[in-house]
Amino acid sequence: MDATLNGINTQGENIADNGGIKEAYLAYNKWIKRNKAEAKLPGLNYTPNQMFWISAANTWCAKYRPESLKLRILTGYHSPGHFRVIGPFSNSDDFVKDFNCPVGSKMNPKK
C-alpha cells in the first residue's frame, strides 16, 4: 500500500513514543548501574543494550490487512507499529551509539 501518514493526527503519540523509549532506556541503564551488566544471551551476538532495543521493537510487531492499515493511516491517532519503531529509534542518540549507525543512514539521518 502506498500512503502517507497523517502527522497531525499522530503527532501527540509520536512525541510520547519518543519520550517513552528514552525514559525506558534511562531506567534500564540505571538498573544496570544498581545491579550489574547482563551477560549476552547464548547464541545471540547482541549486547544487552542492543537487546533492549530489539525487545522494545518487538512490542510493535504487527501484520495489518490492507483495509485496516489504510483506515489506521487516514484516521488513526497512533502510527502503525513499524513507524512507532523507526521514528523514535532513529531519533535516539543511544540507539545510534548502541548499533554504530553511520550518519546519513536510515536509522541515523542527518536531519
PDB file of N, CA and C in Angstrom:
ATOM      1  N   MET A   1       0.844  -1.175   0.000  1.00  0.00           N
ATOM      2  CA  MET A   1       0.000   0.000   0.000  1.00  0.00           C
ATOM      3  C   MET A   1       0.883   1.230   0.000  1.00  0.00           C
ATOM      4  N   ASP A   2       0.534   2.195  -0.791  1.00  0.00           N
ATOM      5  CA  ASP A   2       1.293   3.432  -0.893  1.00  0.00           C
ATOM      6  C   ASP A   2       0.471   4.546  -0.265  1.00  0.00           C
ATOM      7  N   ALA A   3       0.843   4.969   0.945  1.00  0.00           N
ATOM      8  CA  ALA A   3       0.092   6.005   1.649  1.00  0.00           C
ATOM      9  C   ALA A   3       1.048   6.810   2.515  1.00  0.00           C
ATOM     10  N   THR A   4       0.616   7.990   2.874  1.00  0.00           N
ATOM     11  CA  THR A   4       1.401   8.871   3.730  1.00  0.00           C
ATOM     12  C   THR A   4       0.697   8.995   5.068  1.00  0.00           C
ATOM     13  N   LEU A   5       1.486   8.905   6.148  1.00  0.00           N
ATOM     14  CA  LEU A   5       0.892   9.063   7.476  1.00  0.00           C
ATOM     15  C   LEU A   5       0.403  10.481   7.670  1.00  0.00           C
ATOM     16  N   ASN A   6      -0.642  10.632   8.456  1.00  0.00           N
ATOM     17  CA  ASN A   6      -1.158  11.949   8.802  1.00  0.00           C
ATOM     18  C   ASN A   6      -0.442  12.402  10.076  1.00  0.00           C
ATOM     19  N   GLY A   7       0.608  13.180   9.922  1.00  0.00           N
ATOM     20  CA  GLY A   7       1.419  13.617  11.049  1.00  0.00           C
ATOM     21  C   GLY A   7       0.667  14.465  12.053  1.00  0.00           C
ATOM     22  N   ILE A   8      -0.376  15.140  11.614  1.00  0.00           N
ATOM     23  CA  ILE A   8      -1.185  15.939  12.540  1.00  0.00           C
ATOM     24  C   ILE A   8      -1.943  15.013  13.483  1.00  0.00           C
ATOM     25  N   ASN A   9      -2.557  13.968  12.940  1.00  0.00           N
ATOM     26  CA  ASN A   9      -3.313  13.017  13.769  1.00  0.00           C
ATOM     27  C   ASN A   9      -2.416  12.297  14.768  1.00  0.00           C
ATOM     28  N   THR A  10      -1.191  11.956  14.366  1.00  0.00           N
ATOM     29  CA  THR A  10      -0.338  11.094  15.184  1.00  0.00           C
ATOM     30  C   THR A  10       0.715  11.849  15.989  1.00  0.00           C
ATOM     31  N   GLN A  11       0.777  13.156  15.850  1.00  0.00           N
ATOM     32  CA  GLN A  11       1.856  13.935  16.457  1.00  0.00           C
ATOM     33  C   GLN A  11       1.997  13.708  17.958  1.00  0.00           C
ATOM     34  N   GLY A  12       0.920  13.773  18.698  1.00  0.00           N
ATOM     35  CA  GLY A  12       0.984  13.611  20.147  1.00  0.00           C
ATOM     36  C   GLY A  12       1.521  12.246  20.552  1.00  0.00           C
ATOM     37  N   GLU A  13       1.043  11.207  19.892  1.00  0.00           N
ATOM     38  CA  GLU A  13       1.502   9.853  20.199  1.00  0.00           C
ATOM     39  C   GLU A  13       2.949   9.647  19.751  1.00  0.00           C
ATOM     40  N   ASN A  14       3.341  10.261  18.644  1.00  0.00           N
ATOM     41  CA  ASN A  14       4.728  10.159  18.184  1.00  0.00           C
ATOM     42  C   ASN A  14       5.675  10.784  19.204  1.00  0.00           C
ATOM     43  N   ILE A  15       5.292  11.926  19.745  1.00  0.00           N
ATOM     44  CA  ILE A  15       6.099  12.587  20.773  1.00  0.00           C
ATOM     45  C   ILE A  15       6.167  11.694  22.012  1.00  0.00           C
ATOM     46  N   ALA A  16       5.045  11.114  22.388  1.00  0.00           N
ATOM     47  CA  ALA A  16       5.011  10.222  23.547  1.00  0.00           C
ATOM     48  C   ALA A  16       5.901   9.000  23.330  1.00  0.00           C
ATOM     49  N   ASP A  17       5.897   8.443  22.126  1.00  0.00           N
ATOM     50  CA  ASP A  17       6.762   7.296  21.827  1.00  0.00           C
ATOM     51  C   ASP A  17       8.237   7.673  21.977  1.00  0.00           C
ATOM     52  N   ASN A  18       8.607   8.863  21.507  1.00  0.00           N
ATOM     53  CA  ASN A  18       9.993   9.323  21.641  1.00  0.00           C
ATOM     54  C   ASN A  18      10.382   9.440  23.111  1.00  0.00           C
ATOM     55  N   GLY A  19       9.535  10.089  23.898  1.00  0.00           N
ATOM     56  CA  GLY A  19       9.826  10.250  25.320  1.00  0.00           C
ATOM     57  C   GLY A  19       9.803   8.937  26.080  1.00  0.00           C
ATOM     58  N   GLY A  20       8.872   8.072  25.725  1.00  0.00           N
ATOM     59  CA  GLY A  20       8.738   6.791  26.418  1.00  0.00           C
ATOM     60  C   GLY A  20       9.949   5.900  26.246  1.00  0.00           C
ATOM     61  N   ILE A  21      10.459   5.799  25.028  1.00  0.00           N
ATOM     62  CA  ILE A  21      11.617   4.924  24.802  1.00  0.00           C
ATOM     63  C   ILE A  21      12.860   5.519  25.457  1.00  0.00           C
ATOM     64  N   LYS A  22      12.960   6.836  25.472  1.00  0.00           N
ATOM     65  CA  LYS A  22      14.099   7.488  26.124  1.00  0.00           C
ATOM     66  C   LYS A  22      14.084   7.196  27.625  1.00  0.00           C
ATOM     67  N   GLU A  23      12.933   7.338  28.261  1.00  0.00           N
ATOM     68  CA  GLU A  23      12.818   7.077  29.698  1.00  0.00           C
ATOM     69  C   GLU A  23      13.052   5.605  30.016  1.00  0.00           C
ATOM     70  N   ALA A  24      12.540   4.716  29.184  1.00  0.00           N
ATOM     71  CA  ALA A  24      12.740   3.279  29.413  1.00  0.00           C
ATOM     72  C   ALA A  24      14.220   2.923  29.315  1.00  0.00           C
ATOM     73  N   TYR A  25      14.921   3.512  28.356  1.00  0.00           N
ATOM     74  CA  TYR A  25      16.354   3.239  28.195  1.00  0.00           C
ATOM     75  C   TYR A  25      17.137   3.783  29.387  1.00  0.00           C
ATOM     76  N   LEU A  26      16.795   4.978  29.841  1.00  0.00           N
ATOM     77  CA  LEU A  26      17.457   5.541  31.026  1.00  0.00           C
ATOM     78  C   LEU A  26      17.210   4.659  32.250  1.00  0.00           C
ATOM     79  N   ALA A  27      15.988   4.174  32.418  1.00  0.00           N
ATOM     80  CA  ALA A  27      15.657   3.303  33.548  1.00  0.00           C
ATOM     81  C   ALA A  27      16.433   1.994  33.461  1.00  0.00           C
ATOM     82  N   TYR A  28      16.548   1.424  32.269  1.00  0.00           N
ATOM     83  CA  TYR A  28      17.298   0.178  32.094  1.00  0.00           C
ATOM     84  C   TYR A  28      18.758   0.387  32.480  1.00  0.00           C
ATOM     85  N   ASN A  29      19.349   1.467  32.035  1.00  0.00           N
ATOM     86  CA  ASN A  29      20.752   1.722  32.351  1.00  0.00           C
ATOM     87  C   ASN A  29      20.953   2.041  33.830  1.00  0.00           C
ATOM     88  N   LYS A  30      19.963   2.650  34.458  1.00  0.00           N
ATOM     89  CA  LYS A  30      20.029   2.880  35.908  1.00  0.00           C
ATOM     90  C   LYS A  30      19.978   1.535  36.641  1.00  0.00           C
ATOM     91  N   TRP A  31      19.160   0.623  36.149  1.00  0.00           N
ATOM     92  CA  TRP A  31      19.074  -0.717  36.726  1.00  0.00           C
ATOM     93  C   TRP A  31      20.419  -1.424  36.620  1.00  0.00           C
ATOM     94  N   ILE A  32      21.075  -1.302  35.469  1.00  0.00           N
ATOM     95  CA  ILE A  32      22.389  -1.926  35.271  1.00  0.00           C
ATOM     96  C   ILE A  32      23.395  -1.377  36.291  1.00  0.00           C
ATOM     97  N   LYS A  33      23.374  -0.080  36.519  1.00  0.00           N
ATOM     98  CA  LYS A  33      24.299   0.522  37.485  1.00  0.00           C
ATOM     99  C   LYS A  33      24.051   0.005  38.901  1.00  0.00           C
ATOM    100  N   ARG A  34      22.797  -0.216  39.260  1.00  0.00           N
ATOM    101  CA  ARG A  34      22.466  -0.701  40.602  1.00  0.00           C
ATOM    102  C   ARG A  34      22.771  -2.190  40.762  1.00  0.00           C
ATOM    103  N   ASN A  35      22.676  -2.931  39.702  1.00  0.00           N
ATOM    104  CA  ASN A  35      22.867  -4.382  39.748  1.00  0.00           C
ATOM    105  C   ASN A  35      24.214  -4.714  39.116  1.00  0.00           C
ATOM    106  N   LYS A  36      24.191  -5.174  37.916  1.00  0.00           N
ATOM    107  CA  LYS A  36      25.416  -5.359  37.147  1.00  0.00           C
ATOM    108  C   LYS A  36      25.028  -5.576  35.691  1.00  0.00           C
ATOM    109  N   ALA A  37      25.996  -5.397  34.823  1.00  0.00           N
ATOM    110  CA  ALA A  37      25.722  -5.587  33.396  1.00  0.00           C
ATOM    111  C   ALA A  37      25.302  -7.036  33.155  1.00  0.00           C
ATOM    112  N   GLU A  38      24.326  -7.210  32.315  1.00  0.00           N
ATOM    113  CA  GLU A  38      23.853  -8.550  31.986  1.00  0.00           C
ATOM    114  C   GLU A  38      24.807  -9.207  30.995  1.00  0.00           C
ATOM    115  N   ALA A  39      24.839 -10.509  31.014  1.00  0.00           N
ATOM    116  CA  ALA A  39      25.641 -11.261  30.053  1.00  0.00           C
ATOM    117  C   ALA A  39      24.896 -11.315  28.717  1.00  0.00           C
ATOM    118  N   LYS A  40      25.642 -11.540  27.656  1.00  0.00           N
ATOM    119  CA  LYS A  40      24.991 -11.755  26.357  1.00  0.00           C
ATOM    120  C   LYS A  40      24.177 -13.036  26.422  1.00  0.00           C
ATOM    121  N   LEU A  41      23.093 -13.061  25.694  1.00  0.00           N
ATOM    122  CA  LEU A  41      22.285 -14.276  25.625  1.00  0.00           C
ATOM    123  C   LEU A  41      23.011 -15.322  24.787  1.00  0.00           C
ATOM    124  N   PRO A  42      22.978 -16.572  25.202  1.00  0.00           N
ATOM    125  CA  PRO A  42      23.659 -17.617  24.442  1.00  0.00           C
ATOM    126  C   PRO A  42      23.128 -17.707  23.014  1.00  0.00           C
ATOM    127  N   GLY A  43      24.040 -17.777  22.081  1.00  0.00           N
ATOM    128  CA  GLY A  43      23.673 -17.942  20.676  1.00  0.00           C
ATOM    129  C   GLY A  43      23.314 -16.661  19.956  1.00  0.00           C
ATOM    130  N   LEU A  44      23.293 -15.538  20.668  1.00  0.00           N
ATOM    131  CA  LEU A  44      22.976 -14.257  20.035  1.00  0.00           C
ATOM    132  C   LEU A  44      24.183 -13.328  20.162  1.00  0.00           C
ATOM    133  N   ASN A  45      24.521 -12.679  19.095  1.00  0.00           N
ATOM    134  CA  ASN A  45      25.684 -11.803  19.093  1.00  0.00           C
ATOM    135  C   ASN A  45      25.264 -10.346  19.267  1.00  0.00           C
ATOM    136  N   TYR A  46      24.413 -10.093  20.258  1.00  0.00           N
ATOM    137  CA  TYR A  46      23.959  -8.738  20.549  1.00  0.00           C
ATOM    138  C   TYR A  46      24.333  -8.386  21.980  1.00  0.00           C
ATOM    139  N   THR A  47      24.689  -7.128  22.200  1.00  0.00           N
ATOM    140  CA  THR A  47      24.970  -6.663  23.557  1.00  0.00           C
ATOM    141  C   THR A  47      23.654  -6.553  24.318  1.00  0.00           C
ATOM    142  N   PRO A  48      23.723  -6.494  25.639  1.00  0.00           N
ATOM    143  CA  PRO A  48      22.487  -6.287  26.395  1.00  0.00           C
ATOM    144  C   PRO A  48      21.760  -4.997  25.983  1.00  0.00           C
ATOM    145  N   ASN A  49      22.502  -3.931  25.700  1.00  0.00           N
ATOM    146  CA  ASN A  49      21.830  -2.696  25.262  1.00  0.00           C
ATOM    147  C   ASN A  49      21.155  -2.885  23.913  1.00  0.00           C
ATOM    148  N   GLN A  50      21.786  -3.605  23.009  1.00  0.00           N
ATOM    149  CA  GLN A  50      21.137  -3.887  21.729  1.00  0.00           C
ATOM    150  C   GLN A  50      19.888  -4.730  21.934  1.00  0.00           C
ATOM    151  N   MET A  51      19.935  -5.674  22.874  1.00  0.00           N
ATOM    152  CA  MET A  51      18.754  -6.488  23.159  1.00  0.00           C
ATOM    153  C   MET A  51      17.617  -5.650  23.740  1.00  0.00           C
ATOM    154  N   PHE A  52      17.949  -4.589  24.472  1.00  0.00           N
ATOM    155  CA  PHE A  52      16.912  -3.671  24.938  1.00  0.00           C
ATOM    156  C   PHE A  52      16.118  -3.146  23.744  1.00  0.00           C
ATOM    157  N   TRP A  53      16.829  -2.665  22.728  1.00  0.00           N
ATOM    158  CA  TRP A  53      16.177  -2.081  21.549  1.00  0.00           C
ATOM    159  C   TRP A  53      15.389  -3.138  20.768  1.00  0.00           C
ATOM    160  N   ILE A  54      15.958  -4.310  20.627  1.00  0.00           N
ATOM    161  CA  ILE A  54      15.276  -5.386  19.899  1.00  0.00           C
ATOM    162  C   ILE A  54      13.985  -5.767  20.617  1.00  0.00           C
ATOM    163  N   SER A  55      14.066  -5.867  21.933  1.00  0.00           N
ATOM    164  CA  SER A  55      12.885  -6.198  22.721  1.00  0.00           C
ATOM    165  C   SER A  55      11.816  -5.108  22.610  1.00  0.00           C
ATOM    166  N   ALA A  56      12.249  -3.858  22.673  1.00  0.00           N
ATOM    167  CA  ALA A  56      11.299  -2.745  22.554  1.00  0.00           C
ATOM    168  C   ALA A  56      10.632  -2.754  21.177  1.00  0.00           C
ATOM    169  N   ALA A  57      11.406  -3.025  20.145  1.00  0.00           N
ATOM    170  CA  ALA A  57      10.853  -3.060  18.787  1.00  0.00           C
ATOM    171  C   ALA A  57       9.848  -4.201  18.638  1.00  0.00           C
ATOM    172  N   ASN A  58      10.135  -5.313  19.287  1.00  0.00           N
ATOM    173  CA  ASN A  58       9.260  -6.478  19.200  1.00  0.00           C
ATOM    174  C   ASN A  58       7.848  -6.164  19.684  1.00  0.00           C
ATOM    175  N   THR A  59       7.737  -5.212  20.580  1.00  0.00           N
ATOM    176  CA  THR A  59       6.431  -4.792  21.090  1.00  0.00           C
ATOM    177  C   THR A  59       5.500  -4.365  19.966  1.00  0.00           C
ATOM    178  N   TRP A  60       6.063  -3.772  18.926  1.00  0.00           N
ATOM    179  CA  TRP A  60       5.248  -3.199  17.855  1.00  0.00           C
ATOM    180  C   TRP A  60       5.135  -4.092  16.629  1.00  0.00           C
ATOM    181  N   CYS A  61       5.589  -5.343  16.728  1.00  0.00           N
ATOM    182  CA  CYS A  61       5.427  -6.264  15.594  1.00  0.00           C
ATOM    183  C   CYS A  61       3.936  -6.455  15.319  1.00  0.00           C
ATOM    184  N   ALA A  62       3.558  -6.294  14.079  1.00  0.00           N
ATOM    185  CA  ALA A  62       2.143  -6.430  13.716  1.00  0.00           C
ATOM    186  C   ALA A  62       2.019  -6.728  12.238  1.00  0.00           C
ATOM    187  N   LYS A  63       0.914  -7.322  11.895  1.00  0.00           N
ATOM    188  CA  LYS A  63       0.563  -7.550  10.496  1.00  0.00           C
ATOM    189  C   LYS A  63      -0.830  -6.969  10.318  1.00  0.00           C
ATOM    190  N   TYR A  64      -0.978  -6.102   9.336  1.00  0.00           N
ATOM    191  CA  TYR A  64      -2.258  -5.436   9.107  1.00  0.00           C
ATOM    192  C   TYR A  64      -2.869  -5.905   7.789  1.00  0.00           C
ATOM    193  N   ARG A  65      -4.167  -6.042   7.776  1.00  0.00           N
ATOM    194  CA  ARG A  65      -4.860  -6.226   6.500  1.00  0.00           C
ATOM    195  C   ARG A  65      -4.803  -4.893   5.772  1.00  0.00           C
ATOM    196  N   PRO A  66      -4.718  -4.867   4.456  1.00  0.00           N
ATOM    197  CA  PRO A  66      -4.594  -3.601   3.715  1.00  0.00           C
ATOM    198  C   PRO A  66      -5.687  -2.590   4.069  1.00  0.00           C
ATOM    199  N   GLU A  67      -6.933  -3.055   4.233  1.00  0.00           N
ATOM    200  CA  GLU A  67      -8.037  -2.144   4.543  1.00  0.00           C
ATOM    201  C   GLU A  67      -7.858  -1.522   5.933  1.00  0.00           C
ATOM    202  N   SER A  68      -7.421  -2.332   6.867  1.00  0.00           N
ATOM    203  CA  SER A  68      -7.210  -1.863   8.232  1.00  0.00           C
ATOM    204  C   SER A  68      -6.055  -0.868   8.292  1.00  0.00           C
ATOM    205  N   LEU A  69      -4.995  -1.163   7.558  1.00  0.00           N
ATOM    206  CA  LEU A  69      -3.840  -0.265   7.528  1.00  0.00           C
ATOM    207  C   LEU A  69      -4.219   1.077   6.909  1.00  0.00           C
ATOM    208  N   LYS A  70      -4.983   1.044   5.829  1.00  0.00           N
ATOM    209  CA  LYS A  70      -5.400   2.291   5.188  1.00  0.00           C
ATOM    210  C   LYS A  70      -6.240   3.135   6.146  1.00  0.00           C
ATOM    211  N   LEU A  71      -7.183   2.508   6.834  1.00  0.00           N
ATOM    212  CA  LEU A  71      -8.021   3.228   7.791  1.00  0.00           C
ATOM    213  C   LEU A  71      -7.180   3.798   8.929  1.00  0.00           C
ATOM    214  N   ARG A  72      -6.252   3.013   9.430  1.00  0.00           N
ATOM    215  CA  ARG A  72      -5.385   3.462  10.526  1.00  0.00           C
ATOM    216  C   ARG A  72      -4.542   4.654  10.093  1.00  0.00           C
ATOM    217  N   ILE A  73      -4.014   4.612   8.877  1.00  0.00           N
ATOM    218  CA  ILE A  73      -3.175   5.708   8.374  1.00  0.00           C
ATOM    219  C   ILE A  73      -4.001   6.979   8.176  1.00  0.00           C
ATOM    220  N   LEU A  74      -5.194   6.832   7.656  1.00  0.00           N
ATOM    221  CA  LEU A  74      -6.008   8.011   7.355  1.00  0.00           C
ATOM    222  C   LEU A  74      -6.655   8.641   8.583  1.00  0.00           C
ATOM    223  N   THR A  75      -7.022   7.830   9.571  1.00  0.00           N
ATOM    224  CA  THR A  75      -7.822   8.371  10.679  1.00  0.00           C
ATOM    225  C   THR A  75      -7.242   8.126  12.067  1.00  0.00           C
ATOM    226  N   GLY A  76      -6.261   7.263  12.180  1.00  0.00           N
ATOM    227  CA  GLY A  76      -5.784   6.858  13.496  1.00  0.00           C
ATOM    228  C   GLY A  76      -4.920   7.895  14.195  1.00  0.00           C
ATOM    229  N   TYR A  77      -4.925   7.819  15.518  1.00  0.00           N
ATOM    230  CA  TYR A  77      -4.071   8.685  16.335  1.00  0.00           C
ATOM    231  C   TYR A  77      -2.734   8.023  16.647  1.00  0.00           C
ATOM    232  N   HIS A  78      -2.625   6.742  16.344  1.00  0.00           N
ATOM    233  CA  HIS A  78      -1.380   6.006  16.538  1.00  0.00           C
ATOM    234  C   HIS A  78      -0.831   5.603  15.172  1.00  0.00           C
ATOM    235  N   SER A  79       0.452   5.814  14.988  1.00  0.00           N
ATOM    236  CA  SER A  79       1.100   5.338  13.764  1.00  0.00           C
ATOM    237  C   SER A  79       1.117   3.819  13.776  1.00  0.00           C
ATOM    238  N   PRO A  80       1.141   3.184  12.603  1.00  0.00           N
ATOM    239  CA  PRO A  80       1.324   1.725  12.568  1.00  0.00           C
ATOM    240  C   PRO A  80       2.634   1.349  13.264  1.00  0.00           C
ATOM    241  N   GLY A  81       2.694   0.134  13.782  1.00  0.00           N
ATOM    242  CA  GLY A  81       3.819  -0.316  14.584  1.00  0.00           C
ATOM    243  C   GLY A  81       5.187  -0.057  13.987  1.00  0.00           C
ATOM    244  N   HIS A  82       5.335  -0.305  12.706  1.00  0.00           N
ATOM    245  CA  HIS A  82       6.614  -0.106  12.026  1.00  0.00           C
ATOM    246  C   HIS A  82       7.144   1.311  12.263  1.00  0.00           C
ATOM    247  N   PHE A  83       6.275   2.281  12.167  1.00  0.00           N
ATOM    248  CA  PHE A  83       6.683   3.672  12.323  1.00  0.00           C
ATOM    249  C   PHE A  83       6.919   4.045  13.785  1.00  0.00           C
ATOM    250  N   ARG A  84       6.297   3.280  14.690  1.00  0.00           N
ATOM    251  CA  ARG A  84       6.496   3.530  16.121  1.00  0.00           C
ATOM    252  C   ARG A  84       7.859   3.011  16.580  1.00  0.00           C
ATOM    253  N   VAL A  85       8.528   2.264  15.717  1.00  0.00           N
ATOM    254  CA  VAL A  85       9.910   1.823  15.966  1.00  0.00           C
ATOM    255  C   VAL A  85      10.877   2.729  15.209  1.00  0.00           C
ATOM    256  N   ILE A  86      10.697   2.848  13.912  1.00  0.00           N
ATOM    257  CA  ILE A  86      11.627   3.607  13.073  1.00  0.00           C
ATOM    258  C   ILE A  86      11.761   5.052  13.541  1.00  0.00           C
ATOM    259  N   GLY A  87      10.652   5.717  13.838  1.00  0.00           N
ATOM    260  CA  GLY A  87      10.696   7.123  14.235  1.00  0.00           C
ATOM    261  C   GLY A  87      11.479   7.363  15.512  1.00  0.00           C
ATOM    262  N   PRO A  88      11.021   6.803  16.643  1.00  0.00           N
ATOM    263  CA  PRO A  88      11.722   7.067  17.902  1.00  0.00           C
ATOM    264  C   PRO A  88      13.154   6.534  17.934  1.00  0.00           C
ATOM    265  N   PHE A  89      13.390   5.365  17.344  1.00  0.00           N
ATOM    266  CA  PHE A  89      14.741   4.807  17.404  1.00  0.00           C
ATOM    267  C   PHE A  89      15.706   5.647  16.571  1.00  0.00           C
ATOM    268  N   SER A  90      15.258   6.115  15.415  1.00  0.00           N
ATOM    269  CA  SER A  90      16.148   6.930  14.573  1.00  0.00           C
ATOM    270  C   SER A  90      16.339   8.328  15.153  1.00  0.00           C
ATOM    271  N   ASN A  91      15.539   8.693  16.152  1.00  0.00           N
ATOM    272  CA  ASN A  91      15.705   9.968  16.864  1.00  0.00           C
ATOM    273  C   ASN A  91      16.553   9.800  18.120  1.00  0.00           C
ATOM    274  N   SER A  92      17.035   8.603  18.395  1.00  0.00           N
ATOM    275  CA  SER A  92      17.737   8.324  19.645  1.00  0.00           C
ATOM    276  C   SER A  92      19.245   8.220  19.447  1.00  0.00           C
ATOM    277  N   ASP A  93      19.979   9.104  20.098  1.00  0.00           N
ATOM    278  CA  ASP A  93      21.444   9.025  20.072  1.00  0.00           C
ATOM    279  C   ASP A  93      21.924   7.732  20.725  1.00  0.00           C
ATOM    280  N   ASP A  94      21.186   7.242  21.711  1.00  0.00           N
ATOM    281  CA  ASP A  94      21.564   5.992  22.376  1.00  0.00           C
ATOM    282  C   ASP A  94      21.439   4.805  21.423  1.00  0.00           C
ATOM    283  N   PHE A  95      20.361   4.750  20.649  1.00  0.00           N
ATOM    284  CA  PHE A  95      20.211   3.681  19.660  1.00  0.00           C
ATOM    285  C   PHE A  95      21.353   3.735  18.653  1.00  0.00           C
ATOM    286  N   VAL A  96      21.619   4.929  18.148  1.00  0.00           N
ATOM    287  CA  VAL A  96      22.692   5.129  17.157  1.00  0.00           C
ATOM    288  C   VAL A  96      24.021   4.629  17.712  1.00  0.00           C
ATOM    289  N   LYS A  97      24.300   4.966  18.969  1.00  0.00           N
ATOM    290  CA  LYS A  97      25.558   4.555  19.610  1.00  0.00           C
ATOM    291  C   LYS A  97      25.597   3.036  19.787  1.00  0.00           C
ATOM    292  N   ASP A  98      24.514   2.456  20.281  1.00  0.00           N
ATOM    293  CA  ASP A  98      24.494   1.022  20.562  1.00  0.00           C
ATOM    294  C   ASP A  98      24.627   0.166  19.310  1.00  0.00           C
ATOM    295  N   PHE A  99      24.150   0.666  18.172  1.00  0.00           N
ATOM    296  CA  PHE A  99      24.229  -0.099  16.924  1.00  0.00           C
ATOM    297  C   PHE A  99      25.254   0.478  15.939  1.00  0.00           C
ATOM    298  N   ASN A 100      25.984   1.498  16.354  1.00  0.00           N
ATOM    299  CA  ASN A 100      27.007   2.113  15.492  1.00  0.00           C
ATOM    300  C   ASN A 100      26.452   2.487  14.122  1.00  0.00           C
ATOM    301  N   CYS A 101      25.340   3.188  14.105  1.00  0.00           N
ATOM    302  CA  CYS A 101      24.699   3.582  12.851  1.00  0.00           C
ATOM    303  C   CYS A 101      25.454   4.769  12.240  1.00  0.00           C
ATOM    304  N   PRO A 102      25.892   4.641  11.007  1.00  0.00           N
ATOM    305  CA  PRO A 102      26.606   5.759  10.386  1.00  0.00           C
ATOM    306  C   PRO A 102      25.681   6.951  10.122  1.00  0.00           C
ATOM    307  N   VAL A 103      26.242   8.143  10.241  1.00  0.00           N
ATOM    308  CA  VAL A 103      25.483   9.365   9.949  1.00  0.00           C
ATOM    309  C   VAL A 103      25.003   9.300   8.506  1.00  0.00           C
ATOM    310  N   GLY A 104      23.754   9.636   8.308  1.00  0.00           N
ATOM    311  CA  GLY A 104      23.162   9.614   6.976  1.00  0.00           C
ATOM    312  C   GLY A 104      22.473   8.302   6.645  1.00  0.00           C
ATOM    313  N   SER A 105      22.566   7.315   7.535  1.00  0.00           N
ATOM    314  CA  SER A 105      21.866   6.045   7.302  1.00  0.00           C
ATOM    315  C   SER A 105      20.396   6.204   7.699  1.00  0.00           C
ATOM    316  N   LYS A 106      19.588   5.227   7.340  1.00  0.00           N
ATOM    317  CA  LYS A 106      18.153   5.295   7.627  1.00  0.00           C
ATOM    318  C   LYS A 106      17.885   5.482   9.124  1.00  0.00           C
ATOM    319  N   MET A 107      18.676   4.837   9.962  1.00  0.00           N
ATOM    320  CA  MET A 107      18.445   4.923  11.400  1.00  0.00           C
ATOM    321  C   MET A 107      19.281   5.998  12.085  1.00  0.00           C
ATOM    322  N   ASN A 108      20.019   6.775  11.322  1.00  0.00           N
ATOM    323  CA  ASN A 108      20.753   7.931  11.858  1.00  0.00           C
ATOM    324  C   ASN A 108      20.784   9.027  10.783  1.00  0.00           C
ATOM    325  N   PRO A 109      19.600   9.553  10.456  1.00  0.00           N
ATOM    326  CA  PRO A 109      19.548  10.559   9.388  1.00  0.00           C
ATOM    327  C   PRO A 109      20.250  11.852   9.784  1.00  0.00           C
ATOM    328  N   LYS A 110      20.728  12.544   8.778  1.00  0.00           N
ATOM    329  CA  LYS A 110      21.393  13.830   9.028  1.00  0.00           C
ATOM    330  C   LYS A 110      20.417  14.834   9.610  1.00  0.00           C
ATOM    331  N   LYS A 111      19.149  14.768   9.189  1.00  0.00           N
ATOM    332  CA  LYS A 111      18.124  15.708   9.607  1.00  0.00           C
ATOM    333  C   LYS A 111      17.054  15.019  10.401  1.00  0.00           C
TER     334      LYS A 111
END
